[in-house]
């Protein structure tokens, strides 16, 4: 995961989750 942080109420954030390995199933 990445993209976390500190933000004020009412604001926005976008988190990412990058996968590797056996993702075909």
PDBML (XML) file of the C-alpha atoms, coordinates in Angstrom:
<?xml version="1.0" encoding="UTF-8" ?>
<PDBx:datablock datablockName="MODEL"
   xmlns:PDBx="http://pdbml.pdb.org/schema/pdbx-v50.xsd"
   xmlns:xsi="http://www.w3.org/2001/XMLSchema-instance"
   xsi:schemaLocation="http://pdbml.pdb.org/schema/pdbx-v50.xsd pdbx-v50.xsd">
   <PDBx:atom_siteCategory>
      <PDBx:atom_site id="1">
         <PDBx:B_iso_or_equiv>0.00</PDBx:B_iso_or_equiv>
         <PDBx:Cartn_x>0.000</PDBx:Cartn_x>
         <PDBx:Cartn_y>0.000</PDBx:Cartn_y>
         <PDBx:Cartn_z>0.000</PDBx:Cartn_z>
         <PDBx:auth_asym_id>A</PDBx:auth_asym_id>
         <PDBx:auth_atom_id>CA</PDBx:auth_atom_id>
         <PDBx:auth_comp_id>UNK</PDBx:auth_comp_id>
         <PDBx:auth_seq_id>1</PDBx:auth_seq_id>
         <PDBx:group_PDB>ATOM</PDBx:group_PDB>
         <PDBx:label_alt_id xsi:nil="true" />
         <PDBx:label_asym_id>A</PDBx:label_asym_id>
         <PDBx:label_atom_id>CA</PDBx:label_atom_id>
         <PDBx:label_comp_id>UNK</PDBx:label_comp_id>
         <PDBx:label_entity_id>1</PDBx:label_entity_id>
         <PDBx:label_seq_id>1</PDBx:label_seq_id>
         <PDBx:occupancy>1.00</PDBx:occupancy>
         <PDBx:pdbx_PDB_model_num>1</PDBx:pdbx_PDB_model_num>
         <PDBx:type_symbol>C</PDBx:type_symbol>
      </PDBx:atom_site>
      <PDBx:atom_site id="2">
         <PDBx:B_iso_or_equiv>0.00</PDBx:B_iso_or_equiv>
         <PDBx:Cartn_x>0.975</PDBx:Cartn_x>
         <PDBx:Cartn_y>3.611</PDBx:Cartn_y>
         <PDBx:Cartn_z>-0.491</PDBx:Cartn_z>
         <PDBx:auth_asym_id>A</PDBx:auth_asym_id>
         <PDBx:auth_atom_id>CA</PDBx:auth_atom_id>
         <PDBx:auth_comp_id>UNK</PDBx:auth_comp_id>
         <PDBx:auth_seq_id>2</PDBx:auth_seq_id>
         <PDBx:group_PDB>ATOM</PDBx:group_PDB>
         <PDBx:label_alt_id xsi:nil="true" />
         <PDBx:label_asym_id>A</PDBx:label_asym_id>
         <PDBx:label_atom_id>CA</PDBx:label_atom_id>
         <PDBx:label_comp_id>UNK</PDBx:label_comp_id>
         <PDBx:label_entity_id>1</PDBx:label_entity_id>
         <PDBx:label_seq_id>2</PDBx:label_seq_id>
         <PDBx:occupancy>1.00</PDBx:occupancy>
         <PDBx:pdbx_PDB_model_num>1</PDBx:pdbx_PDB_model_num>
         <PDBx:type_symbol>C</PDBx:type_symbol>
      </PDBx:atom_site>
      <PDBx:atom_site id="3">
         <PDBx:B_iso_or_equiv>0.00</PDBx:B_iso_or_equiv>
         <PDBx:Cartn_x>-0.583</PDBx:Cartn_x>
         <PDBx:Cartn_y>7.056</PDBx:Cartn_y>
         <PDBx:Cartn_z>-0.456</PDBx:Cartn_z>
         <PDBx:auth_asym_id>A</PDBx:auth_asym_id>
         <PDBx:auth_atom_id>CA</PDBx:auth_atom_id>
         <PDBx:auth_comp_id>UNK</PDBx:auth_comp_id>
         <PDBx:auth_seq_id>3</PDBx:auth_seq_id>
         <PDBx:group_PDB>ATOM</PDBx:group_PDB>
         <PDBx:label_alt_id xsi:nil="true" />
         <PDBx:label_asym_id>A</PDBx:label_asym_id>
         <PDBx:label_atom_id>CA</PDBx:label_atom_id>
         <PDBx:label_comp_id>UNK</PDBx:label_comp_id>
         <PDBx:label_entity_id>1</PDBx:label_entity_id>
         <PDBx:label_seq_id>3</PDBx:label_seq_id>
         <PDBx:occupancy>1.00</PDBx:occupancy>
         <PDBx:pdbx_PDB_model_num>1</PDBx:pdbx_PDB_model_num>
         <PDBx:type_symbol>C</PDBx:type_symbol>
      </PDBx:atom_site>
      <PDBx:atom_site id="4">
         <PDBx:B_iso_or_equiv>0.00</PDBx:B_iso_or_equiv>
         <PDBx:Cartn_x>-1.460</PDBx:Cartn_x>
         <PDBx:Cartn_y>7.507</PDBx:Cartn_y>
         <PDBx:Cartn_z>3.189</PDBx:Cartn_z>
         <PDBx:auth_asym_id>A</PDBx:auth_asym_id>
         <PDBx:auth_atom_id>CA</PDBx:auth_atom_id>
         <PDBx:auth_comp_id>UNK</PDBx:auth_comp_id>
         <PDBx:auth_seq_id>4</PDBx:auth_seq_id>
         <PDBx:group_PDB>ATOM</PDBx:group_PDB>
         <PDBx:label_alt_id xsi:nil="true" />
         <PDBx:label_asym_id>A</PDBx:label_asym_id>
         <PDBx:label_atom_id>CA</PDBx:label_atom_id>
         <PDBx:label_comp_id>UNK</PDBx:label_comp_id>
         <PDBx:label_entity_id>1</PDBx:label_entity_id>
         <PDBx:label_seq_id>4</PDBx:label_seq_id>
         <PDBx:occupancy>1.00</PDBx:occupancy>
         <PDBx:pdbx_PDB_model_num>1</PDBx:pdbx_PDB_model_num>
         <PDBx:type_symbol>C</PDBx:type_symbol>
      </PDBx:atom_site>
      <PDBx:atom_site id="5">
         <PDBx:B_iso_or_equiv>0.00</PDBx:B_iso_or_equiv>
         <PDBx:Cartn_x>-0.801</PDBx:Cartn_x>
         <PDBx:Cartn_y>10.717</PDBx:Cartn_y>
         <PDBx:Cartn_z>5.052</PDBx:Cartn_z>
         <PDBx:auth_asym_id>A</PDBx:auth_asym_id>
         <PDBx:auth_atom_id>CA</PDBx:auth_atom_id>
         <PDBx:auth_comp_id>UNK</PDBx:auth_comp_id>
         <PDBx:auth_seq_id>5</PDBx:auth_seq_id>
         <PDBx:group_PDB>ATOM</PDBx:group_PDB>
         <PDBx:label_alt_id xsi:nil="true" />
         <PDBx:label_asym_id>A</PDBx:label_asym_id>
         <PDBx:label_atom_id>CA</PDBx:label_atom_id>
         <PDBx:label_comp_id>UNK</PDBx:label_comp_id>
         <PDBx:label_entity_id>1</PDBx:label_entity_id>
         <PDBx:label_seq_id>5</PDBx:label_seq_id>
         <PDBx:occupancy>1.00</PDBx:occupancy>
         <PDBx:pdbx_PDB_model_num>1</PDBx:pdbx_PDB_model_num>
         <PDBx:type_symbol>C</PDBx:type_symbol>
      </PDBx:atom_site>
      <PDBx:atom_site id="6">
         <PDBx:B_iso_or_equiv>0.00</PDBx:B_iso_or_equiv>
         <PDBx:Cartn_x>-2.250</PDBx:Cartn_x>
         <PDBx:Cartn_y>13.602</PDBx:Cartn_y>
         <PDBx:Cartn_z>7.019</PDBx:Cartn_z>
         <PDBx:auth_asym_id>A</PDBx:auth_asym_id>
         <PDBx:auth_atom_id>CA</PDBx:auth_atom_id>
         <PDBx:auth_comp_id>UNK</PDBx:auth_comp_id>
         <PDBx:auth_seq_id>6</PDBx:auth_seq_id>
         <PDBx:group_PDB>ATOM</PDBx:group_PDB>
         <PDBx:label_alt_id xsi:nil="true" />
         <PDBx:label_asym_id>A</PDBx:label_asym_id>
         <PDBx:label_atom_id>CA</PDBx:label_atom_id>
         <PDBx:label_comp_id>UNK</PDBx:label_comp_id>
         <PDBx:label_entity_id>1</PDBx:label_entity_id>
         <PDBx:label_seq_id>6</PDBx:label_seq_id>
         <PDBx:occupancy>1.00</PDBx:occupancy>
         <PDBx:pdbx_PDB_model_num>1</PDBx:pdbx_PDB_model_num>
         <PDBx:type_symbol>C</PDBx:type_symbol>
      </PDBx:atom_site>
      <PDBx:atom_site id="7">
         <PDBx:B_iso_or_equiv>0.00</PDBx:B_iso_or_equiv>
         <PDBx:Cartn_x>-5.207</PDBx:Cartn_x>
         <PDBx:Cartn_y>15.502</PDBx:Cartn_y>
         <PDBx:Cartn_z>5.614</PDBx:Cartn_z>
         <PDBx:auth_asym_id>A</PDBx:auth_asym_id>
         <PDBx:auth_atom_id>CA</PDBx:auth_atom_id>
         <PDBx:auth_comp_id>UNK</PDBx:auth_comp_id>
         <PDBx:auth_seq_id>7</PDBx:auth_seq_id>
         <PDBx:group_PDB>ATOM</PDBx:group_PDB>
         <PDBx:label_alt_id xsi:nil="true" />
         <PDBx:label_asym_id>A</PDBx:label_asym_id>
         <PDBx:label_atom_id>CA</PDBx:label_atom_id>
         <PDBx:label_comp_id>UNK</PDBx:label_comp_id>
         <PDBx:label_entity_id>1</PDBx:label_entity_id>
         <PDBx:label_seq_id>7</PDBx:label_seq_id>
         <PDBx:occupancy>1.00</PDBx:occupancy>
         <PDBx:pdbx_PDB_model_num>1</PDBx:pdbx_PDB_model_num>
         <PDBx:type_symbol>C</PDBx:type_symbol>
      </PDBx:atom_site>
      <PDBx:atom_site id="8">
         <PDBx:B_iso_or_equiv>0.00</PDBx:B_iso_or_equiv>
         <PDBx:Cartn_x>-7.741</PDBx:Cartn_x>
         <PDBx:Cartn_y>17.987</PDBx:Cartn_y>
         <PDBx:Cartn_z>6.971</PDBx:Cartn_z>
         <PDBx:auth_asym_id>A</PDBx:auth_asym_id>
         <PDBx:auth_atom_id>CA</PDBx:auth_atom_id>
         <PDBx:auth_comp_id>UNK</PDBx:auth_comp_id>
         <PDBx:auth_seq_id>8</PDBx:auth_seq_id>
         <PDBx:group_PDB>ATOM</PDBx:group_PDB>
         <PDBx:label_alt_id xsi:nil="true" />
         <PDBx:label_asym_id>A</PDBx:label_asym_id>
         <PDBx:label_atom_id>CA</PDBx:label_atom_id>
         <PDBx:label_comp_id>UNK</PDBx:label_comp_id>
         <PDBx:label_entity_id>1</PDBx:label_entity_id>
         <PDBx:label_seq_id>8</PDBx:label_seq_id>
         <PDBx:occupancy>1.00</PDBx:occupancy>
         <PDBx:pdbx_PDB_model_num>1</PDBx:pdbx_PDB_model_num>
         <PDBx:type_symbol>C</PDBx:type_symbol>
      </PDBx:atom_site>
      <PDBx:atom_site id="9">
         <PDBx:B_iso_or_equiv>0.00</PDBx:B_iso_or_equiv>
         <PDBx:Cartn_x>-11.388</PDBx:Cartn_x>
         <PDBx:Cartn_y>17.061</PDBx:Cartn_y>
         <PDBx:Cartn_z>7.397</PDBx:Cartn_z>
         <PDBx:auth_asym_id>A</PDBx:auth_asym_id>
         <PDBx:auth_atom_id>CA</PDBx:auth_atom_id>
         <PDBx:auth_comp_id>UNK</PDBx:auth_comp_id>
         <PDBx:auth_seq_id>9</PDBx:auth_seq_id>
         <PDBx:group_PDB>ATOM</PDBx:group_PDB>
         <PDBx:label_alt_id xsi:nil="true" />
         <PDBx:label_asym_id>A</PDBx:label_asym_id>
         <PDBx:label_atom_id>CA</PDBx:label_atom_id>
         <PDBx:label_comp_id>UNK</PDBx:label_comp_id>
         <PDBx:label_entity_id>1</PDBx:label_entity_id>
         <PDBx:label_seq_id>9</PDBx:label_seq_id>
         <PDBx:occupancy>1.00</PDBx:occupancy>
         <PDBx:pdbx_PDB_model_num>1</PDBx:pdbx_PDB_model_num>
         <PDBx:type_symbol>C</PDBx:type_symbol>
      </PDBx:atom_site>
      <PDBx:atom_site id="10">
         <PDBx:B_iso_or_equiv>0.00</PDBx:B_iso_or_equiv>
         <PDBx:Cartn_x>-13.198</PDBx:Cartn_x>
         <PDBx:Cartn_y>17.450</PDBx:Cartn_y>
         <PDBx:Cartn_z>4.102</PDBx:Cartn_z>
         <PDBx:auth_asym_id>A</PDBx:auth_asym_id>
         <PDBx:auth_atom_id>CA</PDBx:auth_atom_id>
         <PDBx:auth_comp_id>UNK</PDBx:auth_comp_id>
         <PDBx:auth_seq_id>10</PDBx:auth_seq_id>
         <PDBx:group_PDB>ATOM</PDBx:group_PDB>
         <PDBx:label_alt_id xsi:nil="true" />
         <PDBx:label_asym_id>A</PDBx:label_asym_id>
         <PDBx:label_atom_id>CA</PDBx:label_atom_id>
         <PDBx:label_comp_id>UNK</PDBx:label_comp_id>
         <PDBx:label_entity_id>1</PDBx:label_entity_id>
         <PDBx:label_seq_id>10</PDBx:label_seq_id>
         <PDBx:occupancy>1.00</PDBx:occupancy>
         <PDBx:pdbx_PDB_model_num>1</PDBx:pdbx_PDB_model_num>
         <PDBx:type_symbol>C</PDBx:type_symbol>
      </PDBx:atom_site>
      <PDBx:atom_site id="11">
         <PDBx:B_iso_or_equiv>0.00</PDBx:B_iso_or_equiv>
         <PDBx:Cartn_x>-10.093</PDBx:Cartn_x>
         <PDBx:Cartn_y>16.693</PDBx:Cartn_y>
         <PDBx:Cartn_z>2.098</PDBx:Cartn_z>
         <PDBx:auth_asym_id>A</PDBx:auth_asym_id>
         <PDBx:auth_atom_id>CA</PDBx:auth_atom_id>
         <PDBx:auth_comp_id>UNK</PDBx:auth_comp_id>
         <PDBx:auth_seq_id>11</PDBx:auth_seq_id>
         <PDBx:group_PDB>ATOM</PDBx:group_PDB>
         <PDBx:label_alt_id xsi:nil="true" />
         <PDBx:label_asym_id>A</PDBx:label_asym_id>
         <PDBx:label_atom_id>CA</PDBx:label_atom_id>
         <PDBx:label_comp_id>UNK</PDBx:label_comp_id>
         <PDBx:label_entity_id>1</PDBx:label_entity_id>
         <PDBx:label_seq_id>11</PDBx:label_seq_id>
         <PDBx:occupancy>1.00</PDBx:occupancy>
         <PDBx:pdbx_PDB_model_num>1</PDBx:pdbx_PDB_model_num>
         <PDBx:type_symbol>C</PDBx:type_symbol>
      </PDBx:atom_site>
      <PDBx:atom_site id="12">
         <PDBx:B_iso_or_equiv>0.00</PDBx:B_iso_or_equiv>
         <PDBx:Cartn_x>-9.179</PDBx:Cartn_x>
         <PDBx:Cartn_y>13.794</PDBx:Cartn_y>
         <PDBx:Cartn_z>-0.153</PDBx:Cartn_z>
         <PDBx:auth_asym_id>A</PDBx:auth_asym_id>
         <PDBx:auth_atom_id>CA</PDBx:auth_atom_id>
         <PDBx:auth_comp_id>UNK</PDBx:auth_comp_id>
         <PDBx:auth_seq_id>12</PDBx:auth_seq_id>
         <PDBx:group_PDB>ATOM</PDBx:group_PDB>
         <PDBx:label_alt_id xsi:nil="true" />
         <PDBx:label_asym_id>A</PDBx:label_asym_id>
         <PDBx:label_atom_id>CA</PDBx:label_atom_id>
         <PDBx:label_comp_id>UNK</PDBx:label_comp_id>
         <PDBx:label_entity_id>1</PDBx:label_entity_id>
         <PDBx:label_seq_id>12</PDBx:label_seq_id>
         <PDBx:occupancy>1.00</PDBx:occupancy>
         <PDBx:pdbx_PDB_model_num>1</PDBx:pdbx_PDB_model_num>
         <PDBx:type_symbol>C</PDBx:type_symbol>
      </PDBx:atom_site>
      <PDBx:atom_site id="13">
         <PDBx:B_iso_or_equiv>0.00</PDBx:B_iso_or_equiv>
         <PDBx:Cartn_x>-6.556</PDBx:Cartn_x>
         <PDBx:Cartn_y>11.079</PDBx:Cartn_y>
         <PDBx:Cartn_z>-0.450</PDBx:Cartn_z>
         <PDBx:auth_asym_id>A</PDBx:auth_asym_id>
         <PDBx:auth_atom_id>CA</PDBx:auth_atom_id>
         <PDBx:auth_comp_id>UNK</PDBx:auth_comp_id>
         <PDBx:auth_seq_id>13</PDBx:auth_seq_id>
         <PDBx:group_PDB>ATOM</PDBx:group_PDB>
         <PDBx:label_alt_id xsi:nil="true" />
         <PDBx:label_asym_id>A</PDBx:label_asym_id>
         <PDBx:label_atom_id>CA</PDBx:label_atom_id>
         <PDBx:label_comp_id>UNK</PDBx:label_comp_id>
         <PDBx:label_entity_id>1</PDBx:label_entity_id>
         <PDBx:label_seq_id>13</PDBx:label_seq_id>
         <PDBx:occupancy>1.00</PDBx:occupancy>
         <PDBx:pdbx_PDB_model_num>1</PDBx:pdbx_PDB_model_num>
         <PDBx:type_symbol>C</PDBx:type_symbol>
      </PDBx:atom_site>
      <PDBx:atom_site id="14">
         <PDBx:B_iso_or_equiv>0.00</PDBx:B_iso_or_equiv>
         <PDBx:Cartn_x>-5.953</PDBx:Cartn_x>
         <PDBx:Cartn_y>8.286</PDBx:Cartn_y>
         <PDBx:Cartn_z>-2.925</PDBx:Cartn_z>
         <PDBx:auth_asym_id>A</PDBx:auth_asym_id>
         <PDBx:auth_atom_id>CA</PDBx:auth_atom_id>
         <PDBx:auth_comp_id>UNK</PDBx:auth_comp_id>
         <PDBx:auth_seq_id>14</PDBx:auth_seq_id>
         <PDBx:group_PDB>ATOM</PDBx:group_PDB>
         <PDBx:label_alt_id xsi:nil="true" />
         <PDBx:label_asym_id>A</PDBx:label_asym_id>
         <PDBx:label_atom_id>CA</PDBx:label_atom_id>
         <PDBx:label_comp_id>UNK</PDBx:label_comp_id>
         <PDBx:label_entity_id>1</PDBx:label_entity_id>
         <PDBx:label_seq_id>14</PDBx:label_seq_id>
         <PDBx:occupancy>1.00</PDBx:occupancy>
         <PDBx:pdbx_PDB_model_num>1</PDBx:pdbx_PDB_model_num>
         <PDBx:type_symbol>C</PDBx:type_symbol>
      </PDBx:atom_site>
      <PDBx:atom_site id="15">
         <PDBx:B_iso_or_equiv>0.00</PDBx:B_iso_or_equiv>
         <PDBx:Cartn_x>-4.441</PDBx:Cartn_x>
         <PDBx:Cartn_y>5.042</PDBx:Cartn_y>
         <PDBx:Cartn_z>-1.713</PDBx:Cartn_z>
         <PDBx:auth_asym_id>A</PDBx:auth_asym_id>
         <PDBx:auth_atom_id>CA</PDBx:auth_atom_id>
         <PDBx:auth_comp_id>UNK</PDBx:auth_comp_id>
         <PDBx:auth_seq_id>15</PDBx:auth_seq_id>
         <PDBx:group_PDB>ATOM</PDBx:group_PDB>
         <PDBx:label_alt_id xsi:nil="true" />
         <PDBx:label_asym_id>A</PDBx:label_asym_id>
         <PDBx:label_atom_id>CA</PDBx:label_atom_id>
         <PDBx:label_comp_id>UNK</PDBx:label_comp_id>
         <PDBx:label_entity_id>1</PDBx:label_entity_id>
         <PDBx:label_seq_id>15</PDBx:label_seq_id>
         <PDBx:occupancy>1.00</PDBx:occupancy>
         <PDBx:pdbx_PDB_model_num>1</PDBx:pdbx_PDB_model_num>
         <PDBx:type_symbol>C</PDBx:type_symbol>
      </PDBx:atom_site>
      <PDBx:atom_site id="16">
         <PDBx:B_iso_or_equiv>0.00</PDBx:B_iso_or_equiv>
         <PDBx:Cartn_x>-2.758</PDBx:Cartn_x>
         <PDBx:Cartn_y>2.524</PDBx:Cartn_y>
         <PDBx:Cartn_z>-3.994</PDBx:Cartn_z>
         <PDBx:auth_asym_id>A</PDBx:auth_asym_id>
         <PDBx:auth_atom_id>CA</PDBx:auth_atom_id>
         <PDBx:auth_comp_id>UNK</PDBx:auth_comp_id>
         <PDBx:auth_seq_id>16</PDBx:auth_seq_id>
         <PDBx:group_PDB>ATOM</PDBx:group_PDB>
         <PDBx:label_alt_id xsi:nil="true" />
         <PDBx:label_asym_id>A</PDBx:label_asym_id>
         <PDBx:label_atom_id>CA</PDBx:label_atom_id>
         <PDBx:label_comp_id>UNK</PDBx:label_comp_id>
         <PDBx:label_entity_id>1</PDBx:label_entity_id>
         <PDBx:label_seq_id>16</PDBx:label_seq_id>
         <PDBx:occupancy>1.00</PDBx:occupancy>
         <PDBx:pdbx_PDB_model_num>1</PDBx:pdbx_PDB_model_num>
         <PDBx:type_symbol>C</PDBx:type_symbol>
      </PDBx:atom_site>
      <PDBx:atom_site id="17">
         <PDBx:B_iso_or_equiv>0.00</PDBx:B_iso_or_equiv>
         <PDBx:Cartn_x>-2.218</PDBx:Cartn_x>
         <PDBx:Cartn_y>-1.203</PDBx:Cartn_y>
         <PDBx:Cartn_z>-3.576</PDBx:Cartn_z>
         <PDBx:auth_asym_id>A</PDBx:auth_asym_id>
         <PDBx:auth_atom_id>CA</PDBx:auth_atom_id>
         <PDBx:auth_comp_id>UNK</PDBx:auth_comp_id>
         <PDBx:auth_seq_id>17</PDBx:auth_seq_id>
         <PDBx:group_PDB>ATOM</PDBx:group_PDB>
         <PDBx:label_alt_id xsi:nil="true" />
         <PDBx:label_asym_id>A</PDBx:label_asym_id>
         <PDBx:label_atom_id>CA</PDBx:label_atom_id>
         <PDBx:label_comp_id>UNK</PDBx:label_comp_id>
         <PDBx:label_entity_id>1</PDBx:label_entity_id>
         <PDBx:label_seq_id>17</PDBx:label_seq_id>
         <PDBx:occupancy>1.00</PDBx:occupancy>
         <PDBx:pdbx_PDB_model_num>1</PDBx:pdbx_PDB_model_num>
         <PDBx:type_symbol>C</PDBx:type_symbol>
      </PDBx:atom_site>
      <PDBx:atom_site id="18">
         <PDBx:B_iso_or_equiv>0.00</PDBx:B_iso_or_equiv>
         <PDBx:Cartn_x>0.302</PDBx:Cartn_x>
         <PDBx:Cartn_y>-2.799</PDBx:Cartn_y>
         <PDBx:Cartn_z>-5.919</PDBx:Cartn_z>
         <PDBx:auth_asym_id>A</PDBx:auth_asym_id>
         <PDBx:auth_atom_id>CA</PDBx:auth_atom_id>
         <PDBx:auth_comp_id>UNK</PDBx:auth_comp_id>
         <PDBx:auth_seq_id>18</PDBx:auth_seq_id>
         <PDBx:group_PDB>ATOM</PDBx:group_PDB>
         <PDBx:label_alt_id xsi:nil="true" />
         <PDBx:label_asym_id>A</PDBx:label_asym_id>
         <PDBx:label_atom_id>CA</PDBx:label_atom_id>
         <PDBx:label_comp_id>UNK</PDBx:label_comp_id>
         <PDBx:label_entity_id>1</PDBx:label_entity_id>
         <PDBx:label_seq_id>18</PDBx:label_seq_id>
         <PDBx:occupancy>1.00</PDBx:occupancy>
         <PDBx:pdbx_PDB_model_num>1</PDBx:pdbx_PDB_model_num>
         <PDBx:type_symbol>C</PDBx:type_symbol>
      </PDBx:atom_site>
      <PDBx:atom_site id="19">
         <PDBx:B_iso_or_equiv>0.00</PDBx:B_iso_or_equiv>
         <PDBx:Cartn_x>0.214</PDBx:Cartn_x>
         <PDBx:Cartn_y>-6.585</PDBx:Cartn_y>
         <PDBx:Cartn_z>-6.255</PDBx:Cartn_z>
         <PDBx:auth_asym_id>A</PDBx:auth_asym_id>
         <PDBx:auth_atom_id>CA</PDBx:auth_atom_id>
         <PDBx:auth_comp_id>UNK</PDBx:auth_comp_id>
         <PDBx:auth_seq_id>19</PDBx:auth_seq_id>
         <PDBx:group_PDB>ATOM</PDBx:group_PDB>
         <PDBx:label_alt_id xsi:nil="true" />
         <PDBx:label_asym_id>A</PDBx:label_asym_id>
         <PDBx:label_atom_id>CA</PDBx:label_atom_id>
         <PDBx:label_comp_id>UNK</PDBx:label_comp_id>
         <PDBx:label_entity_id>1</PDBx:label_entity_id>
         <PDBx:label_seq_id>19</PDBx:label_seq_id>
         <PDBx:occupancy>1.00</PDBx:occupancy>
         <PDBx:pdbx_PDB_model_num>1</PDBx:pdbx_PDB_model_num>
         <PDBx:type_symbol>C</PDBx:type_symbol>
      </PDBx:atom_site>
      <PDBx:atom_site id="20">
         <PDBx:B_iso_or_equiv>0.00</PDBx:B_iso_or_equiv>
         <PDBx:Cartn_x>2.915</PDBx:Cartn_x>
         <PDBx:Cartn_y>-8.962</PDBx:Cartn_y>
         <PDBx:Cartn_z>-7.406</PDBx:Cartn_z>
         <PDBx:auth_asym_id>A</PDBx:auth_asym_id>
         <PDBx:auth_atom_id>CA</PDBx:auth_atom_id>
         <PDBx:auth_comp_id>UNK</PDBx:auth_comp_id>
         <PDBx:auth_seq_id>20</PDBx:auth_seq_id>
         <PDBx:group_PDB>ATOM</PDBx:group_PDB>
         <PDBx:label_alt_id xsi:nil="true" />
         <PDBx:label_asym_id>A</PDBx:label_asym_id>
         <PDBx:label_atom_id>CA</PDBx:label_atom_id>
         <PDBx:label_comp_id>UNK</PDBx:label_comp_id>
         <PDBx:label_entity_id>1</PDBx:label_entity_id>
         <PDBx:label_seq_id>20</PDBx:label_seq_id>
         <PDBx:occupancy>1.00</PDBx:occupancy>
         <PDBx:pdbx_PDB_model_num>1</PDBx:pdbx_PDB_model_num>
         <PDBx:type_symbol>C</PDBx:type_symbol>
      </PDBx:atom_site>
      <PDBx:atom_site id="21">
         <PDBx:B_iso_or_equiv>0.00</PDBx:B_iso_or_equiv>
         <PDBx:Cartn_x>3.378</PDBx:Cartn_x>
         <PDBx:Cartn_y>-12.721</PDBx:Cartn_y>
         <PDBx:Cartn_z>-7.500</PDBx:Cartn_z>
         <PDBx:auth_asym_id>A</PDBx:auth_asym_id>
         <PDBx:auth_atom_id>CA</PDBx:auth_atom_id>
         <PDBx:auth_comp_id>UNK</PDBx:auth_comp_id>
         <PDBx:auth_seq_id>21</PDBx:auth_seq_id>
         <PDBx:group_PDB>ATOM</PDBx:group_PDB>
         <PDBx:label_alt_id xsi:nil="true" />
         <PDBx:label_asym_id>A</PDBx:label_asym_id>
         <PDBx:label_atom_id>CA</PDBx:label_atom_id>
         <PDBx:label_comp_id>UNK</PDBx:label_comp_id>
         <PDBx:label_entity_id>1</PDBx:label_entity_id>
         <PDBx:label_seq_id>21</PDBx:label_seq_id>
         <PDBx:occupancy>1.00</PDBx:occupancy>
         <PDBx:pdbx_PDB_model_num>1</PDBx:pdbx_PDB_model_num>
         <PDBx:type_symbol>C</PDBx:type_symbol>
      </PDBx:atom_site>
      <PDBx:atom_site id="22">
         <PDBx:B_iso_or_equiv>0.00</PDBx:B_iso_or_equiv>
         <PDBx:Cartn_x>0.583</PDBx:Cartn_x>
         <PDBx:Cartn_y>-15.171</PDBx:Cartn_y>
         <PDBx:Cartn_z>-8.381</PDBx:Cartn_z>
         <PDBx:auth_asym_id>A</PDBx:auth_asym_id>
         <PDBx:auth_atom_id>CA</PDBx:auth_atom_id>
         <PDBx:auth_comp_id>UNK</PDBx:auth_comp_id>
         <PDBx:auth_seq_id>22</PDBx:auth_seq_id>
         <PDBx:group_PDB>ATOM</PDBx:group_PDB>
         <PDBx:label_alt_id xsi:nil="true" />
         <PDBx:label_asym_id>A</PDBx:label_asym_id>
         <PDBx:label_atom_id>CA</PDBx:label_atom_id>
         <PDBx:label_comp_id>UNK</PDBx:label_comp_id>
         <PDBx:label_entity_id>1</PDBx:label_entity_id>
         <PDBx:label_seq_id>22</PDBx:label_seq_id>
         <PDBx:occupancy>1.00</PDBx:occupancy>
         <PDBx:pdbx_PDB_model_num>1</PDBx:pdbx_PDB_model_num>
         <PDBx:type_symbol>C</PDBx:type_symbol>
      </PDBx:atom_site>
      <PDBx:atom_site id="23">
         <PDBx:B_iso_or_equiv>0.00</PDBx:B_iso_or_equiv>
         <PDBx:Cartn_x>-2.167</PDBx:Cartn_x>
         <PDBx:Cartn_y>-12.778</PDBx:Cartn_y>
         <PDBx:Cartn_z>-9.381</PDBx:Cartn_z>
         <PDBx:auth_asym_id>A</PDBx:auth_asym_id>
         <PDBx:auth_atom_id>CA</PDBx:auth_atom_id>
         <PDBx:auth_comp_id>UNK</PDBx:auth_comp_id>
         <PDBx:auth_seq_id>23</PDBx:auth_seq_id>
         <PDBx:group_PDB>ATOM</PDBx:group_PDB>
         <PDBx:label_alt_id xsi:nil="true" />
         <PDBx:label_asym_id>A</PDBx:label_asym_id>
         <PDBx:label_atom_id>CA</PDBx:label_atom_id>
         <PDBx:label_comp_id>UNK</PDBx:label_comp_id>
         <PDBx:label_entity_id>1</PDBx:label_entity_id>
         <PDBx:label_seq_id>23</PDBx:label_seq_id>
         <PDBx:occupancy>1.00</PDBx:occupancy>
         <PDBx:pdbx_PDB_model_num>1</PDBx:pdbx_PDB_model_num>
         <PDBx:type_symbol>C</PDBx:type_symbol>
      </PDBx:atom_site>
      <PDBx:atom_site id="24">
         <PDBx:B_iso_or_equiv>0.00</PDBx:B_iso_or_equiv>
         <PDBx:Cartn_x>-3.649</PDBx:Cartn_x>
         <PDBx:Cartn_y>-14.856</PDBx:Cartn_y>
         <PDBx:Cartn_z>-12.210</PDBx:Cartn_z>
         <PDBx:auth_asym_id>A</PDBx:auth_asym_id>
         <PDBx:auth_atom_id>CA</PDBx:auth_atom_id>
         <PDBx:auth_comp_id>UNK</PDBx:auth_comp_id>
         <PDBx:auth_seq_id>24</PDBx:auth_seq_id>
         <PDBx:group_PDB>ATOM</PDBx:group_PDB>
         <PDBx:label_alt_id xsi:nil="true" />
         <PDBx:label_asym_id>A</PDBx:label_asym_id>
         <PDBx:label_atom_id>CA</PDBx:label_atom_id>
         <PDBx:label_comp_id>UNK</PDBx:label_comp_id>
         <PDBx:label_entity_id>1</PDBx:label_entity_id>
         <PDBx:label_seq_id>24</PDBx:label_seq_id>
         <PDBx:occupancy>1.00</PDBx:occupancy>
         <PDBx:pdbx_PDB_model_num>1</PDBx:pdbx_PDB_model_num>
         <PDBx:type_symbol>C</PDBx:type_symbol>
      </PDBx:atom_site>
      <PDBx:atom_site id="25">
         <PDBx:B_iso_or_equiv>0.00</PDBx:B_iso_or_equiv>
         <PDBx:Cartn_x>-6.163</PDBx:Cartn_x>
         <PDBx:Cartn_y>-16.629</PDBx:Cartn_y>
         <PDBx:Cartn_z>-9.959</PDBx:Cartn_z>
         <PDBx:auth_asym_id>A</PDBx:auth_asym_id>
         <PDBx:auth_atom_id>CA</PDBx:auth_atom_id>
         <PDBx:auth_comp_id>UNK</PDBx:auth_comp_id>
         <PDBx:auth_seq_id>25</PDBx:auth_seq_id>
         <PDBx:group_PDB>ATOM</PDBx:group_PDB>
         <PDBx:label_alt_id xsi:nil="true" />
         <PDBx:label_asym_id>A</PDBx:label_asym_id>
         <PDBx:label_atom_id>CA</PDBx:label_atom_id>
         <PDBx:label_comp_id>UNK</PDBx:label_comp_id>
         <PDBx:label_entity_id>1</PDBx:label_entity_id>
         <PDBx:label_seq_id>25</PDBx:label_seq_id>
         <PDBx:occupancy>1.00</PDBx:occupancy>
         <PDBx:pdbx_PDB_model_num>1</PDBx:pdbx_PDB_model_num>
         <PDBx:type_symbol>C</PDBx:type_symbol>
      </PDBx:atom_site>
   </PDBx:atom_siteCategory>
</PDBx:datablock>
